[in-house]
Amino acid sequence: MRYTEFWDRLEQALGPVYYKVWADQQVIGELDGRTPKQALDAGEDPRRVWRAVWAVLELPDRDR
């Protein structure tokens, strides 16, 4: 997964106004207590970050 795909998926899940704010503020334990943005900025694989986001948001399997 590319970074652009990650951001596209998050925007689809949360909407164009809220997704960036959420990524900046939502701390996720599975990402070592970091926000999705912090994890990506630290070089985490976007697929790993997406899986953590997917689980927190309880998105349908088709979005995994």
PDB file of N, CA and C in Angstrom:
ATOM      1  N   MET A   1       0.842  -1.171   0.000  1.00  0.00           N
ATOM      2  CA  MET A   1       0.000   0.000   0.000  1.00  0.00           C
ATOM      3  C   MET A   1       0.894   1.243   0.000  1.00  0.00           C
ATOM      4  N   ARG A   2       0.536   2.193  -0.814  1.00  0.00           N
ATOM      5  CA  ARG A   2       1.254   3.468  -0.860  1.00  0.00           C
ATOM      6  C   ARG A   2       0.625   4.453   0.117  1.00  0.00           C
ATOM      7  N   TYR A   3       1.388   5.471   0.447  1.00  0.00           N
ATOM      8  CA  TYR A   3       0.883   6.507   1.355  1.00  0.00           C
ATOM      9  C   TYR A   3      -0.382   7.149   0.796  1.00  0.00           C
ATOM     10  N   THR A   4      -0.395   7.400  -0.510  1.00  0.00           N
ATOM     11  CA  THR A   4      -1.577   8.033  -1.105  1.00  0.00           C
ATOM     12  C   THR A   4      -2.808   7.152  -0.962  1.00  0.00           C
ATOM     13  N   GLU A   5      -2.634   5.844  -1.097  1.00  0.00           N
ATOM     14  CA  GLU A   5      -3.768   4.936  -0.921  1.00  0.00           C
ATOM     15  C   GLU A   5      -4.258   4.958   0.528  1.00  0.00           C
ATOM     16  N   PHE A   6      -3.325   4.994   1.475  1.00  0.00           N
ATOM     17  CA  PHE A   6      -3.711   5.086   2.874  1.00  0.00           C
ATOM     18  C   PHE A   6      -4.584   6.316   3.099  1.00  0.00           C
ATOM     19  N   TRP A   7      -4.113   7.478   2.637  1.00  0.00           N
ATOM     20  CA  TRP A   7      -4.857   8.720   2.857  1.00  0.00           C
ATOM     21  C   TRP A   7      -6.192   8.707   2.120  1.00  0.00           C
ATOM     22  N   ASP A   8      -6.235   8.134   0.938  1.00  0.00           N
ATOM     23  CA  ASP A   8      -7.499   8.022   0.205  1.00  0.00           C
ATOM     24  C   ASP A   8      -8.506   7.170   0.969  1.00  0.00           C
ATOM     25  N   ARG A   9      -8.046   6.049   1.496  1.00  0.00           N
ATOM     26  CA  ARG A   9      -8.937   5.169   2.254  1.00  0.00           C
ATOM     27  C   ARG A   9      -9.438   5.843   3.526  1.00  0.00           C
ATOM     28  N   LEU A  10      -8.550   6.545   4.210  1.00  0.00           N
ATOM     29  CA  LEU A  10      -8.957   7.218   5.439  1.00  0.00           C
ATOM     30  C   LEU A  10      -9.969   8.327   5.130  1.00  0.00           C
ATOM     31  N   GLU A  11      -9.744   9.038   4.059  1.00  0.00           N
ATOM     32  CA  GLU A  11     -10.693  10.078   3.661  1.00  0.00           C
ATOM     33  C   GLU A  11     -12.062   9.472   3.337  1.00  0.00           C
ATOM     34  N   GLN A  12     -12.074   8.337   2.670  1.00  0.00           N
ATOM     35  CA  GLN A  12     -13.340   7.660   2.365  1.00  0.00           C
ATOM     36  C   GLN A  12     -14.045   7.237   3.642  1.00  0.00           C
ATOM     37  N   ALA A  13     -13.293   6.769   4.608  1.00  0.00           N
ATOM     38  CA  ALA A  13     -13.880   6.266   5.847  1.00  0.00           C
ATOM     39  C   ALA A  13     -14.413   7.383   6.737  1.00  0.00           C
ATOM     40  N   LEU A  14     -13.722   8.518   6.778  1.00  0.00           N
ATOM     41  CA  LEU A  14     -14.062   9.572   7.740  1.00  0.00           C
ATOM     42  C   LEU A  14     -14.577  10.868   7.119  1.00  0.00           C
ATOM     43  N   GLY A  15     -14.422  11.006   5.835  1.00  0.00           N
ATOM     44  CA  GLY A  15     -14.872  12.222   5.179  1.00  0.00           C
ATOM     45  C   GLY A  15     -13.743  13.212   4.968  1.00  0.00           C
ATOM     46  N   PRO A  16     -13.923  14.091   3.980  1.00  0.00           N
ATOM     47  CA  PRO A  16     -12.842  15.001   3.586  1.00  0.00           C
ATOM     48  C   PRO A  16     -12.495  16.075   4.618  1.00  0.00           C
ATOM     49  N   VAL A  17     -13.393  16.377   5.513  1.00  0.00           N
ATOM     50  CA  VAL A  17     -13.134  17.428   6.493  1.00  0.00           C
ATOM     51  C   VAL A  17     -12.422  16.881   7.724  1.00  0.00           C
ATOM     52  N   TYR A  18     -12.773  15.664   8.123  1.00  0.00           N
ATOM     53  CA  TYR A  18     -12.353  15.147   9.419  1.00  0.00           C
ATOM     54  C   TYR A  18     -11.131  14.226   9.388  1.00  0.00           C
ATOM     55  N   TYR A  19     -10.837  13.596   8.279  1.00  0.00           N
ATOM     56  CA  TYR A  19      -9.841  12.520   8.286  1.00  0.00           C
ATOM     57  C   TYR A  19      -8.444  12.958   8.722  1.00  0.00           C
ATOM     58  N   LYS A  20      -8.011  14.149   8.331  1.00  0.00           N
ATOM     59  CA  LYS A  20      -6.664  14.599   8.713  1.00  0.00           C
ATOM     60  C   LYS A  20      -6.593  14.936  10.198  1.00  0.00           C
ATOM     61  N   VAL A  21      -7.649  15.533  10.712  1.00  0.00           N
ATOM     62  CA  VAL A  21      -7.693  15.849  12.148  1.00  0.00           C
ATOM     63  C   VAL A  21      -7.636  14.559  12.956  1.00  0.00           C
ATOM     64  N   TRP A  22      -8.419  13.584  12.547  1.00  0.00           N
ATOM     65  CA  TRP A  22      -8.448  12.296  13.236  1.00  0.00           C
ATOM     66  C   TRP A  22      -7.064  11.653  13.223  1.00  0.00           C
ATOM     67  N   ALA A  23      -6.409  11.658  12.081  1.00  0.00           N
ATOM     68  CA  ALA A  23      -5.080  11.046  11.954  1.00  0.00           C
ATOM     69  C   ALA A  23      -4.036  11.755  12.808  1.00  0.00           C
ATOM     70  N   ASP A  24      -4.248  13.024  13.063  1.00  0.00           N
ATOM     71  CA  ASP A  24      -3.327  13.805  13.899  1.00  0.00           C
ATOM     72  C   ASP A  24      -3.578  13.618  15.390  1.00  0.00           C
ATOM     73  N   GLN A  25      -4.797  13.202  15.761  1.00  0.00           N
ATOM     74  CA  GLN A  25      -5.168  13.201  17.178  1.00  0.00           C
ATOM     75  C   GLN A  25      -5.452  11.832  17.770  1.00  0.00           C
ATOM     76  N   GLN A  26      -5.804  10.854  16.973  1.00  0.00           N
ATOM     77  CA  GLN A  26      -6.204   9.541  17.490  1.00  0.00           C
ATOM     78  C   GLN A  26      -4.976   8.689  17.818  1.00  0.00           C
ATOM     79  N   VAL A  27      -4.742   8.486  19.097  1.00  0.00           N
ATOM     80  CA  VAL A  27      -3.625   7.643  19.536  1.00  0.00           C
ATOM     81  C   VAL A  27      -4.100   6.191  19.504  1.00  0.00           C
ATOM     82  N   ILE A  28      -3.290   5.335  18.898  1.00  0.00           N
ATOM     83  CA  ILE A  28      -3.651   3.925  18.736  1.00  0.00           C
ATOM     84  C   ILE A  28      -2.583   3.067  19.404  1.00  0.00           C
ATOM     85  N   GLY A  29      -3.006   2.251  20.344  1.00  0.00           N
ATOM     86  CA  GLY A  29      -2.085   1.394  21.086  1.00  0.00           C
ATOM     87  C   GLY A  29      -1.278   0.474  20.190  1.00  0.00           C
ATOM     88  N   GLU A  30      -1.925  -0.067  19.170  1.00  0.00           N
ATOM     89  CA  GLU A  30      -1.253  -0.989  18.250  1.00  0.00           C
ATOM     90  C   GLU A  30      -0.123  -0.308  17.467  1.00  0.00           C
ATOM     91  N   LEU A  31      -0.157   1.007  17.433  1.00  0.00           N
ATOM     92  CA  LEU A  31       0.913   1.772  16.772  1.00  0.00           C
ATOM     93  C   LEU A  31       1.896   2.310  17.801  1.00  0.00           C
ATOM     94  N   ASP A  32       2.053   1.576  18.875  1.00  0.00           N
ATOM     95  CA  ASP A  32       2.976   1.935  19.957  1.00  0.00           C
ATOM     96  C   ASP A  32       2.610   3.277  20.593  1.00  0.00           C
ATOM     97  N   GLY A  33       1.302   3.505  20.722  1.00  0.00           N
ATOM     98  CA  GLY A  33       0.840   4.719  21.372  1.00  0.00           C
ATOM     99  C   GLY A  33       1.035   5.979  20.553  1.00  0.00           C
ATOM    100  N   ARG A  34       1.097   5.819  19.254  1.00  0.00           N
ATOM    101  CA  ARG A  34       1.259   6.972  18.360  1.00  0.00           C
ATOM    102  C   ARG A  34      -0.024   7.186  17.566  1.00  0.00           C
ATOM    103  N   THR A  35      -0.118   8.359  16.981  1.00  0.00           N
ATOM    104  CA  THR A  35      -1.210   8.619  16.054  1.00  0.00           C
ATOM    105  C   THR A  35      -0.850   8.017  14.699  1.00  0.00           C
ATOM    106  N   PRO A  36      -1.824   7.820  13.823  1.00  0.00           N
ATOM    107  CA  PRO A  36      -1.486   7.327  12.488  1.00  0.00           C
ATOM    108  C   PRO A  36      -0.464   8.225  11.773  1.00  0.00           C
ATOM    109  N   LYS A  37      -0.633   9.526  11.899  1.00  0.00           N
ATOM    110  CA  LYS A  37       0.315  10.441  11.246  1.00  0.00           C
ATOM    111  C   LYS A  37       1.715  10.290  11.820  1.00  0.00           C
ATOM    112  N   GLN A  38       1.828  10.187  13.133  1.00  0.00           N
ATOM    113  CA  GLN A  38       3.144  10.006  13.754  1.00  0.00           C
ATOM    114  C   GLN A  38       3.779   8.693  13.290  1.00  0.00           C
ATOM    115  N   ALA A  39       2.988   7.646  13.215  1.00  0.00           N
ATOM    116  CA  ALA A  39       3.508   6.347  12.780  1.00  0.00           C
ATOM    117  C   ALA A  39       4.011   6.420  11.342  1.00  0.00           C
ATOM    118  N   LEU A  40       3.232   7.039  10.477  1.00  0.00           N
ATOM    119  CA  LEU A  40       3.663   7.178   9.080  1.00  0.00           C
ATOM    120  C   LEU A  40       4.903   8.045   8.973  1.00  0.00           C
ATOM    121  N   ASP A  41       4.928   9.143   9.714  1.00  0.00           N
ATOM    122  CA  ASP A  41       6.095  10.034   9.684  1.00  0.00           C
ATOM    123  C   ASP A  41       7.349   9.339  10.196  1.00  0.00           C
ATOM    124  N   ALA A  42       7.174   8.337  11.070  1.00  0.00           N
ATOM    125  CA  ALA A  42       8.313   7.589  11.608  1.00  0.00           C
ATOM    126  C   ALA A  42       8.750   6.463  10.677  1.00  0.00           C
ATOM    127  N   GLY A  43       8.050   6.299   9.559  1.00  0.00           N
ATOM    128  CA  GLY A  43       8.458   5.297   8.580  1.00  0.00           C
ATOM    129  C   GLY A  43       7.729   3.967   8.668  1.00  0.00           C
ATOM    130  N   GLU A  44       6.660   3.894   9.460  1.00  0.00           N
ATOM    131  CA  GLU A  44       5.888   2.651   9.519  1.00  0.00           C
ATOM    132  C   GLU A  44       5.281   2.356   8.156  1.00  0.00           C
ATOM    133  N   ASP A  45       5.137   1.082   7.869  1.00  0.00           N
ATOM    134  CA  ASP A  45       4.506   0.649   6.635  1.00  0.00           C
ATOM    135  C   ASP A  45       3.047   1.115   6.638  1.00  0.00           C
ATOM    136  N   PRO A  46       2.602   1.804   5.599  1.00  0.00           N
ATOM    137  CA  PRO A  46       1.219   2.270   5.555  1.00  0.00           C
ATOM    138  C   PRO A  46       0.194   1.141   5.710  1.00  0.00           C
ATOM    139  N   ARG A  47       0.531  -0.049   5.246  1.00  0.00           N
ATOM    140  CA  ARG A  47      -0.396  -1.180   5.389  1.00  0.00           C
ATOM    141  C   ARG A  47      -0.581  -1.522   6.868  1.00  0.00           C
ATOM    142  N   ARG A  48       0.476  -1.503   7.647  1.00  0.00           N
ATOM    143  CA  ARG A  48       0.373  -1.777   9.085  1.00  0.00           C
ATOM    144  C   ARG A  48      -0.468  -0.704   9.777  1.00  0.00           C
ATOM    145  N   VAL A  49      -0.227   0.544   9.394  1.00  0.00           N
ATOM    146  CA  VAL A  49      -0.987   1.642   9.984  1.00  0.00           C
ATOM    147  C   VAL A  49      -2.456   1.510   9.600  1.00  0.00           C
ATOM    148  N   TRP A  50      -2.712   1.177   8.334  1.00  0.00           N
ATOM    149  CA  TRP A  50      -4.100   1.019   7.901  1.00  0.00           C
ATOM    150  C   TRP A  50      -4.796  -0.098   8.679  1.00  0.00           C
ATOM    151  N   ARG A  51      -4.141  -1.197   8.898  1.00  0.00           N
ATOM    152  CA  ARG A  51      -4.768  -2.299   9.652  1.00  0.00           C
ATOM    153  C   ARG A  51      -5.133  -1.866  11.063  1.00  0.00           C
ATOM    154  N   ALA A  52      -4.291  -1.066  11.680  1.00  0.00           N
ATOM    155  CA  ALA A  52      -4.602  -0.567  13.018  1.00  0.00           C
ATOM    156  C   ALA A  52      -5.784   0.398  12.966  1.00  0.00           C
ATOM    157  N   VAL A  53      -5.796   1.267  11.977  1.00  0.00           N
ATOM    158  CA  VAL A  53      -6.902   2.212  11.804  1.00  0.00           C
ATOM    159  C   VAL A  53      -8.192   1.447  11.530  1.00  0.00           C
ATOM    160  N   TRP A  54      -8.115   0.480  10.642  1.00  0.00           N
ATOM    161  CA  TRP A  54      -9.272  -0.346  10.277  1.00  0.00           C
ATOM    162  C   TRP A  54      -9.887  -0.985  11.519  1.00  0.00           C
ATOM    163  N   ALA A  55      -9.048  -1.506  12.388  1.00  0.00           N
ATOM    164  CA  ALA A  55      -9.541  -2.155  13.602  1.00  0.00           C
ATOM    165  C   ALA A  55     -10.184  -1.147  14.554  1.00  0.00           C
ATOM    166  N   VAL A  56      -9.560  -0.005  14.748  1.00  0.00           N
ATOM    167  CA  VAL A  56     -10.098   1.012  15.663  1.00  0.00           C
ATOM    168  C   VAL A  56     -11.438   1.536  15.156  1.00  0.00           C
ATOM    169  N   LEU A  57     -11.533   1.756  13.869  1.00  0.00           N
ATOM    170  CA  LEU A  57     -12.767   2.289  13.299  1.00  0.00           C
ATOM    171  C   LEU A  57     -13.836   1.217  13.098  1.00  0.00           C
ATOM    172  N   GLU A  58     -13.452  -0.038  13.298  1.00  0.00           N
ATOM    173  CA  GLU A  58     -14.383  -1.165  13.116  1.00  0.00           C
ATOM    174  C   GLU A  58     -15.027  -1.117  11.728  1.00  0.00           C
ATOM    175  N   LEU A  59     -14.174  -0.958  10.720  1.00  0.00           N
ATOM    176  CA  LEU A  59     -14.640  -0.897   9.351  1.00  0.00           C
ATOM    177  C   LEU A  59     -14.979  -2.302   8.840  1.00  0.00           C
ATOM    178  N   PRO A  60     -15.807  -2.399   7.814  1.00  0.00           N
ATOM    179  CA  PRO A  60     -16.167  -3.710   7.267  1.00  0.00           C
ATOM    180  C   PRO A  60     -14.952  -4.430   6.668  1.00  0.00           C
ATOM    181  N   ASP A  61     -15.045  -5.742   6.615  1.00  0.00           N
ATOM    182  CA  ASP A  61     -13.950  -6.559   6.072  1.00  0.00           C
ATOM    183  C   ASP A  61     -13.538  -6.125   4.669  1.00  0.00           C
ATOM    184  N   ARG A  62     -14.493  -5.673   3.883  1.00  0.00           N
ATOM    185  CA  ARG A  62     -14.161  -5.281   2.489  1.00  0.00           C
ATOM    186  C   ARG A  62     -13.173  -4.119   2.438  1.00  0.00           C
ATOM    187  N   ASP A  63     -13.088  -3.359   3.519  1.00  0.00           N
ATOM    188  CA  ASP A  63     -12.170  -2.209   3.565  1.00  0.00           C
ATOM    189  C   ASP A  63     -10.798  -2.559   4.121  1.00  0.00           C
ATOM    190  N   ARG A  64     -10.620  -3.792   4.487  1.00  0.00           N
ATOM    191  CA  ARG A  64      -9.352  -4.202   5.078  1.00  0.00           C
ATOM    192  C   ARG A  64      -8.272  -4.152   4.061  1.00  0.00           C
TER     193      ARG A  64
END
